[in-house]
PDB file of N, CA and C in Angstrom:
ATOM      1  N   MET A   1       2.806  -2.752  32.447  1.00  0.00           N
ATOM      2  CA  MET A   1       3.902  -3.463  31.784  1.00  0.00           C
ATOM      3  C   MET A   1       3.364  -4.064  30.490  1.00  0.00           C
ATOM      4  N   THR A   2       4.137  -3.927  29.418  1.00  0.00           N
ATOM      5  CA  THR A   2       3.737  -4.443  28.120  1.00  0.00           C
ATOM      6  C   THR A   2       4.351  -5.793  27.855  1.00  0.00           C
ATOM      7  N   MET A   3       3.658  -6.581  27.059  1.00  0.00           N
ATOM      8  CA  MET A   3       4.170  -7.913  26.717  1.00  0.00           C
ATOM      9  C   MET A   3       5.260  -7.759  25.685  1.00  0.00           C
ATOM     10  N   PRO A   4       6.312  -8.630  25.696  1.00  0.00           N
ATOM     11  CA  PRO A   4       7.374  -8.516  24.694  1.00  0.00           C
ATOM     12  C   PRO A   4       6.812  -8.893  23.342  1.00  0.00           C
ATOM     13  N   ASP A   5       7.393  -8.339  22.282  1.00  0.00           N
ATOM     14  CA  ASP A   5       6.991  -8.627  20.936  1.00  0.00           C
ATOM     15  C   ASP A   5       7.828  -9.764  20.368  1.00  0.00           C
ATOM     16  N   PHE A   6       7.154 -10.906  20.091  1.00  0.00           N
ATOM     17  CA  PHE A   6       7.832 -12.075  19.542  1.00  0.00           C
ATOM     18  C   PHE A   6       7.414 -12.270  18.115  1.00  0.00           C
ATOM     19  N   CYS A   7       8.328 -12.910  17.327  1.00  0.00           N
ATOM     20  CA  CYS A   7       8.038 -13.292  15.970  1.00  0.00           C
ATOM     21  C   CYS A   7       7.010 -14.448  15.955  1.00  0.00           C
ATOM     22  N   ALA A   8       6.051 -14.378  15.029  1.00  0.00           N
ATOM     23  CA  ALA A   8       5.013 -15.358  14.943  1.00  0.00           C
ATOM     24  C   ALA A   8       5.404 -16.658  14.182  1.00  0.00           C
ATOM     25  N   ALA A   9       6.535 -16.667  13.545  1.00  0.00           N
ATOM     26  CA  ALA A   9       6.963 -17.856  12.791  1.00  0.00           C
ATOM     27  C   ALA A   9       7.202 -19.044  13.757  1.00  0.00           C
ATOM     28  N   TYR A  10       6.707 -20.195  13.322  1.00  0.00           N
ATOM     29  CA  TYR A  10       6.859 -21.411  14.162  1.00  0.00           C
ATOM     30  C   TYR A  10       8.366 -21.701  14.411  1.00  0.00           C
ATOM     31  N   GLY A  11       8.659 -21.872  15.683  1.00  0.00           N
ATOM     32  CA  GLY A  11      10.036 -22.249  16.079  1.00  0.00           C
ATOM     33  C   GLY A  11      10.966 -21.078  16.172  1.00  0.00           C
ATOM     34  N   CYS A  12      10.521 -19.880  15.862  1.00  0.00           N
ATOM     35  CA  CYS A  12      11.415 -18.717  15.915  1.00  0.00           C
ATOM     36  C   CYS A  12      11.324 -18.127  17.364  1.00  0.00           C
ATOM     37  N   SER A  13      12.474 -17.898  17.962  1.00  0.00           N
ATOM     38  CA  SER A  13      12.482 -17.326  19.321  1.00  0.00           C
ATOM     39  C   SER A  13      12.888 -15.886  19.342  1.00  0.00           C
ATOM     40  N   ASN A  14      12.957 -15.248  18.208  1.00  0.00           N
ATOM     41  CA  ASN A  14      13.344 -13.837  18.156  1.00  0.00           C
ATOM     42  C   ASN A  14      12.256 -12.988  18.763  1.00  0.00           C
ATOM     43  N   HIS A  15      12.691 -12.027  19.573  1.00  0.00           N
ATOM     44  CA  HIS A  15      11.753 -11.047  20.117  1.00  0.00           C
ATOM     45  C   HIS A  15      12.428  -9.667  20.042  1.00  0.00           C
ATOM     46  N   ARG A  16      11.641  -8.653  20.014  1.00  0.00           N
ATOM     47  CA  ARG A  16      12.154  -7.311  19.869  1.00  0.00           C
ATOM     48  C   ARG A  16      12.979  -6.934  21.110  1.00  0.00           C
ATOM     49  N   SER A  17      14.253  -6.720  20.922  1.00  0.00           N
ATOM     50  CA  SER A  17      15.154  -6.398  22.019  1.00  0.00           C
ATOM     51  C   SER A  17      16.399  -5.687  21.493  1.00  0.00           C
ATOM     52  N   LEU A  18      17.200  -5.189  22.400  1.00  0.00           N
ATOM     53  CA  LEU A  18      18.444  -4.555  22.008  1.00  0.00           C
ATOM     54  C   LEU A  18      19.344  -5.585  21.275  1.00  0.00           C
ATOM     55  N   GLU A  19      19.320  -6.825  21.745  1.00  0.00           N
ATOM     56  CA  GLU A  19      20.160  -7.870  21.120  1.00  0.00           C
ATOM     57  C   GLU A  19      19.769  -8.134  19.673  1.00  0.00           C
ATOM     58  N   THR A  20      18.452  -8.286  19.417  1.00  0.00           N
ATOM     59  CA  THR A  20      18.073  -8.521  18.028  1.00  0.00           C
ATOM     60  C   THR A  20      18.281  -7.275  17.155  1.00  0.00           C
ATOM     61  N   ARG A  21      18.075  -6.077  17.720  1.00  0.00           N
ATOM     62  CA  ARG A  21      18.345  -4.865  16.955  1.00  0.00           C
ATOM     63  C   ARG A  21      19.815  -4.792  16.606  1.00  0.00           C
ATOM     64  N   THR A  22      20.688  -5.135  17.531  1.00  0.00           N
ATOM     65  CA  THR A  22      22.146  -5.112  17.260  1.00  0.00           C
ATOM     66  C   THR A  22      22.530  -6.124  16.198  1.00  0.00           C
ATOM     67  N   ARG A  23      21.804  -7.202  16.131  1.00  0.00           N
ATOM     68  CA  ARG A  23      22.043  -8.239  15.090  1.00  0.00           C
ATOM     69  C   ARG A  23      21.449  -7.837  13.726  1.00  0.00           C
ATOM     70  N   GLY A  24      20.742  -6.717  13.685  1.00  0.00           N
ATOM     71  CA  GLY A  24      20.147  -6.247  12.447  1.00  0.00           C
ATOM     72  C   GLY A  24      18.760  -6.823  12.150  1.00  0.00           C
ATOM     73  N   ILE A  25      18.165  -7.492  13.140  1.00  0.00           N
ATOM     74  CA  ILE A  25      16.855  -8.126  12.950  1.00  0.00           C
ATOM     75  C   ILE A  25      15.789  -7.032  13.181  1.00  0.00           C
ATOM     76  N   THR A  26      14.882  -6.927  12.226  1.00  0.00           N
ATOM     77  CA  THR A  26      13.780  -5.975  12.331  1.00  0.00           C
ATOM     78  C   THR A  26      12.473  -6.732  12.433  1.00  0.00           C
ATOM     79  N   PHE A  27      11.449  -6.075  12.947  1.00  0.00           N
ATOM     80  CA  PHE A  27      10.121  -6.710  13.140  1.00  0.00           C
ATOM     81  C   PHE A  27       9.076  -5.944  12.356  1.00  0.00           C
ATOM     82  N   HIS A  28       8.155  -6.698  11.737  1.00  0.00           N
ATOM     83  CA  HIS A  28       7.200  -6.153  10.829  1.00  0.00           C
ATOM     84  C   HIS A  28       5.809  -6.630  11.155  1.00  0.00           C
ATOM     85  N   VAL A  29       4.889  -5.678  11.285  1.00  0.00           N
ATOM     86  CA  VAL A  29       3.476  -5.993  11.571  1.00  0.00           C
ATOM     87  C   VAL A  29       2.826  -6.560  10.329  1.00  0.00           C
ATOM     88  N   PHE A  30       2.017  -7.571  10.502  1.00  0.00           N
ATOM     89  CA  PHE A  30       1.264  -8.139   9.384  1.00  0.00           C
ATOM     90  C   PHE A  30       0.436  -7.033   8.719  1.00  0.00           C
ATOM     91  N   PRO A  31       0.209  -7.123   7.405  1.00  0.00           N
ATOM     92  CA  PRO A  31      -0.678  -6.181   6.739  1.00  0.00           C
ATOM     93  C   PRO A  31      -2.048  -6.164   7.477  1.00  0.00           C
ATOM     94  N   LYS A  32      -2.671  -5.012   7.525  1.00  0.00           N
ATOM     95  CA  LYS A  32      -3.903  -4.883   8.291  1.00  0.00           C
ATOM     96  C   LYS A  32      -5.051  -5.725   7.820  1.00  0.00           C
ATOM     97  N   THR A  33      -5.249  -5.800   6.559  1.00  0.00           N
ATOM     98  CA  THR A  33      -6.424  -6.538   6.006  1.00  0.00           C
ATOM     99  C   THR A  33      -6.085  -7.075   4.633  1.00  0.00           C
ATOM    100  N   GLY A  34      -7.036  -7.829   4.079  1.00  0.00           N
ATOM    101  CA  GLY A  34      -7.012  -8.186   2.678  1.00  0.00           C
ATOM    102  C   GLY A  34      -6.118  -9.374   2.341  1.00  0.00           C
ATOM    103  N   GLU A  35      -5.960  -9.476   1.017  1.00  0.00           N
ATOM    104  CA  GLU A  35      -5.264 -10.613   0.444  1.00  0.00           C
ATOM    105  C   GLU A  35      -3.798 -10.703   0.899  1.00  0.00           C
ATOM    106  N   ARG A  36      -3.132  -9.583   1.015  1.00  0.00           N
ATOM    107  CA  ARG A  36      -1.708  -9.604   1.449  1.00  0.00           C
ATOM    108  C   ARG A  36      -1.601 -10.224   2.835  1.00  0.00           C
ATOM    109  N   ARG A  37      -2.489  -9.821   3.716  1.00  0.00           N
ATOM    110  CA  ARG A  37      -2.471 -10.379   5.119  1.00  0.00           C
ATOM    111  C   ARG A  37      -2.675 -11.917   5.073  1.00  0.00           C
ATOM    112  N   ARG A  38      -3.610 -12.334   4.256  1.00  0.00           N
ATOM    113  CA  ARG A  38      -3.916 -13.771   4.143  1.00  0.00           C
ATOM    114  C   ARG A  38      -2.693 -14.492   3.563  1.00  0.00           C
ATOM    115  N   GLN A  39      -2.032 -13.906   2.631  1.00  0.00           N
ATOM    116  CA  GLN A  39      -0.825 -14.509   2.051  1.00  0.00           C
ATOM    117  C   GLN A  39       0.249 -14.679   3.114  1.00  0.00           C
ATOM    118  N   TRP A  40       0.431 -13.717   3.965  1.00  0.00           N
ATOM    119  CA  TRP A  40       1.419 -13.827   5.059  1.00  0.00           C
ATOM    120  C   TRP A  40       1.031 -14.957   5.988  1.00  0.00           C
ATOM    121  N   GLU A  41      -0.279 -15.053   6.346  1.00  0.00           N
ATOM    122  CA  GLU A  41      -0.721 -16.084   7.247  1.00  0.00           C
ATOM    123  C   GLU A  41      -0.482 -17.471   6.653  1.00  0.00           C
ATOM    124  N   VAL A  42      -0.802 -17.654   5.395  1.00  0.00           N
ATOM    125  CA  VAL A  42      -0.590 -18.927   4.717  1.00  0.00           C
ATOM    126  C   VAL A  42       0.883 -19.284   4.573  1.00  0.00           C
ATOM    127  N   ALA A  43       1.685 -18.237   4.319  1.00  0.00           N
ATOM    128  CA  ALA A  43       3.171 -18.474   4.171  1.00  0.00           C
ATOM    129  C   ALA A  43       3.789 -19.019   5.452  1.00  0.00           C
ATOM    130  N   LEU A  44       3.226 -18.740   6.601  1.00  0.00           N
ATOM    131  CA  LEU A  44       3.773 -19.280   7.866  1.00  0.00           C
ATOM    132  C   LEU A  44       3.546 -20.760   7.999  1.00  0.00           C
ATOM    133  N   ARG A  45       2.602 -21.298   7.251  1.00  0.00           N
ATOM    134  CA  ARG A  45       2.300 -22.752   7.297  1.00  0.00           C
ATOM    135  C   ARG A  45       2.026 -23.222   8.715  1.00  0.00           C
ATOM    136  N   ARG A  46       1.194 -22.496   9.445  1.00  0.00           N
ATOM    137  CA  ARG A  46       0.751 -22.895  10.762  1.00  0.00           C
ATOM    138  C   ARG A  46      -0.753 -23.136  10.705  1.00  0.00           C
ATOM    139  N   ASP A  47      -1.169 -24.367  10.891  1.00  0.00           N
ATOM    140  CA  ASP A  47      -2.559 -24.773  10.777  1.00  0.00           C
ATOM    141  C   ASP A  47      -3.452 -23.875  11.673  1.00  0.00           C
ATOM    142  N   GLY A  48      -4.449 -23.297  11.021  1.00  0.00           N
ATOM    143  CA  GLY A  48      -5.461 -22.505  11.760  1.00  0.00           C
ATOM    144  C   GLY A  48      -4.936 -21.149  12.262  1.00  0.00           C
ATOM    145  N   PHE A  49      -3.795 -20.717  11.817  1.00  0.00           N
ATOM    146  CA  PHE A  49      -3.217 -19.486  12.301  1.00  0.00           C
ATOM    147  C   PHE A  49      -3.975 -18.286  11.722  1.00  0.00           C
ATOM    148  N   VAL A  50      -4.335 -17.355  12.610  1.00  0.00           N
ATOM    149  CA  VAL A  50      -4.977 -16.096  12.208  1.00  0.00           C
ATOM    150  C   VAL A  50      -4.217 -14.991  12.941  1.00  0.00           C
ATOM    151  N   SER A  51      -3.712 -14.053  12.207  1.00  0.00           N
ATOM    152  CA  SER A  51      -2.960 -12.958  12.796  1.00  0.00           C
ATOM    153  C   SER A  51      -3.895 -11.938  13.469  1.00  0.00           C
ATOM    154  N   SER A  52      -3.299 -11.210  14.428  1.00  0.00           N
ATOM    155  CA  SER A  52      -4.070 -10.135  15.096  1.00  0.00           C
ATOM    156  C   SER A  52      -3.454  -8.817  14.644  1.00  0.00           C
ATOM    157  N   GLY A  53      -3.939  -7.715  15.189  1.00  0.00           N
ATOM    158  CA  GLY A  53      -3.415  -6.413  14.824  1.00  0.00           C
ATOM    159  C   GLY A  53      -2.013  -6.153  15.312  1.00  0.00           C
ATOM    160  N   ARG A  54      -1.503  -7.030  16.205  1.00  0.00           N
ATOM    161  CA  ARG A  54      -0.180  -6.864  16.729  1.00  0.00           C
ATOM    162  C   ARG A  54       0.799  -7.970  16.339  1.00  0.00           C
ATOM    163  N   THR A  55       0.372  -8.875  15.465  1.00  0.00           N
ATOM    164  CA  THR A  55       1.182 -10.007  15.097  1.00  0.00           C
ATOM    165  C   THR A  55       2.384  -9.513  14.282  1.00  0.00           C
ATOM    166  N   LEU A  56       3.592 -10.003  14.665  1.00  0.00           N
ATOM    167  CA  LEU A  56       4.850  -9.588  14.050  1.00  0.00           C
ATOM    168  C   LEU A  56       5.542 -10.757  13.376  1.00  0.00           C
ATOM    169  N   LEU A  57       6.339 -10.425  12.385  1.00  0.00           N
ATOM    170  CA  LEU A  57       7.210 -11.378  11.712  1.00  0.00           C
ATOM    171  C   LEU A  57       8.597 -10.734  11.660  1.00  0.00           C
ATOM    172  N   CYS A  58       9.643 -11.485  12.047  1.00  0.00           N
ATOM    173  CA  CYS A  58      10.958 -10.867  12.031  1.00  0.00           C
ATOM    174  C   CYS A  58      11.600 -10.979  10.651  1.00  0.00           C
ATOM    175  N   SER A  59      12.604 -10.165  10.421  1.00  0.00           N
ATOM    176  CA  SER A  59      13.227 -10.056   9.105  1.00  0.00           C
ATOM    177  C   SER A  59      13.968 -11.336   8.669  1.00  0.00           C
ATOM    178  N   GLU A  60      14.196 -12.243   9.609  1.00  0.00           N
ATOM    179  CA  GLU A  60      14.833 -13.530   9.237  1.00  0.00           C
ATOM    180  C   GLU A  60      13.980 -14.364   8.354  1.00  0.00           C
ATOM    181  N   HIS A  61      12.709 -14.048   8.224  1.00  0.00           N
ATOM    182  CA  HIS A  61      11.804 -14.854   7.418  1.00  0.00           C
ATOM    183  C   HIS A  61      11.455 -14.230   6.063  1.00  0.00           C
ATOM    184  N   PHE A  62      12.180 -13.225   5.686  1.00  0.00           N
ATOM    185  CA  PHE A  62      12.057 -12.580   4.399  1.00  0.00           C
ATOM    186  C   PHE A  62      13.272 -12.935   3.543  1.00  0.00           C
ATOM    187  N   ARG A  63      13.068 -12.988   2.255  1.00  0.00           N
ATOM    188  CA  ARG A  63      14.191 -13.217   1.368  1.00  0.00           C
ATOM    189  C   ARG A  63      15.173 -12.059   1.447  1.00  0.00           C
ATOM    190  N   SER A  64      16.396 -12.264   0.949  1.00  0.00           N
ATOM    191  CA  SER A  64      17.443 -11.269   1.084  1.00  0.00           C
ATOM    192  C   SER A  64      17.178 -10.022   0.231  1.00  0.00           C
ATOM    193  N   ASP A  65      16.235 -10.074  -0.742  1.00  0.00           N
ATOM    194  CA  ASP A  65      15.936  -8.871  -1.519  1.00  0.00           C
ATOM    195  C   ASP A  65      14.860  -7.998  -0.903  1.00  0.00           C
ATOM    196  N   PHE A  66      14.508  -8.298   0.358  1.00  0.00           N
ATOM    197  CA  PHE A  66      13.590  -7.457   1.099  1.00  0.00           C
ATOM    198  C   PHE A  66      14.192  -6.081   1.269  1.00  0.00           C
ATOM    199  N   LYS A  67      13.439  -5.077   0.990  1.00  0.00           N
ATOM    200  CA  LYS A  67      13.947  -3.683   1.095  1.00  0.00           C
ATOM    201  C   LYS A  67      13.443  -3.038   2.363  1.00  0.00           C
ATOM    202  N   HIS A  68      14.356  -2.463   3.157  1.00  0.00           N
ATOM    203  CA  HIS A  68      13.950  -1.771   4.363  1.00  0.00           C
ATOM    204  C   HIS A  68      14.614  -0.416   4.343  1.00  0.00           C
ATOM    205  N   SER A  69      13.827   0.604   4.505  1.00  0.00           N
ATOM    206  CA  SER A  69      14.384   1.941   4.484  1.00  0.00           C
ATOM    207  C   SER A  69      14.508   2.505   5.873  1.00  0.00           C
ATOM    208  N   LYS A  70      15.406   3.410   6.080  1.00  0.00           N
ATOM    209  CA  LYS A  70      15.598   3.989   7.450  1.00  0.00           C
ATOM    210  C   LYS A  70      14.389   4.818   7.851  1.00  0.00           C
ATOM    211  N   SER A  71      13.555   5.242   6.930  1.00  0.00           N
ATOM    212  CA  SER A  71      12.358   6.010   7.285  1.00  0.00           C
ATOM    213  C   SER A  71      11.290   5.132   7.892  1.00  0.00           C
ATOM    214  N   GLY A  72      11.544   3.842   7.909  1.00  0.00           N
ATOM    215  CA  GLY A  72      10.543   2.923   8.507  1.00  0.00           C
ATOM    216  C   GLY A  72       9.592   2.333   7.545  1.00  0.00           C
ATOM    217  N   SER A  73       9.605   2.814   6.262  1.00  0.00           N
ATOM    218  CA  SER A  73       8.731   2.183   5.308  1.00  0.00           C
ATOM    219  C   SER A  73       9.401   0.936   4.739  1.00  0.00           C
ATOM    220  N   ASN A  74       8.616  -0.067   4.550  1.00  0.00           N
ATOM    221  CA  ASN A  74       9.158  -1.361   4.094  1.00  0.00           C
ATOM    222  C   ASN A  74       8.427  -1.789   2.837  1.00  0.00           C
ATOM    223  N   LYS A  75       9.118  -2.359   1.945  1.00  0.00           N
ATOM    224  CA  LYS A  75       8.528  -2.939   0.717  1.00  0.00           C
ATOM    225  C   LYS A  75       8.448  -4.464   0.944  1.00  0.00           C
ATOM    226  N   LYS A  76       7.306  -4.916   1.382  1.00  0.00           N
ATOM    227  CA  LYS A  76       7.093  -6.334   1.669  1.00  0.00           C
ATOM    228  C   LYS A  76       6.233  -6.939   0.604  1.00  0.00           C
ATOM    229  N   HIS A  77       6.803  -7.657  -0.299  1.00  0.00           N
ATOM    230  CA  HIS A  77       6.073  -8.237  -1.407  1.00  0.00           C
ATOM    231  C   HIS A  77       6.205  -9.739  -1.411  1.00  0.00           C
ATOM    232  N   ASN A  78       5.629 -10.377  -0.424  1.00  0.00           N
ATOM    233  CA  ASN A  78       5.622 -11.831  -0.333  1.00  0.00           C
ATOM    234  C   ASN A  78       7.035 -12.380  -0.426  1.00  0.00           C
ATOM    235  N   HIS A  79       7.949 -11.833   0.334  1.00  0.00           N
ATOM    236  CA  HIS A  79       9.335 -12.260   0.258  1.00  0.00           C
ATOM    237  C   HIS A  79       9.681 -13.234   1.353  1.00  0.00           C
ATOM    238  N   PHE A  80       8.820 -14.225   1.531  1.00  0.00           N
ATOM    239  CA  PHE A  80       9.084 -15.261   2.539  1.00  0.00           C
ATOM    240  C   PHE A  80       9.949 -16.320   1.898  1.00  0.00           C
TER     241      PHE A  80
END
């Protein structure tokens, strides 16, 4: 059995499910390495937070100009 995928944002209770998908909420894995990953971690404003390879952030924490394509590729440019 696998663990459910929850959003890492403090206070967010969204998790990957049929309900969130129906509401149009998408989930995005943190960048694998580097400065972009660190920017995402800092943007969450959670003291001492370090993301893992499976850490997710839901689309509710991106600005409205976030671009998501049906092919699954996302343009995530610090749009918190």
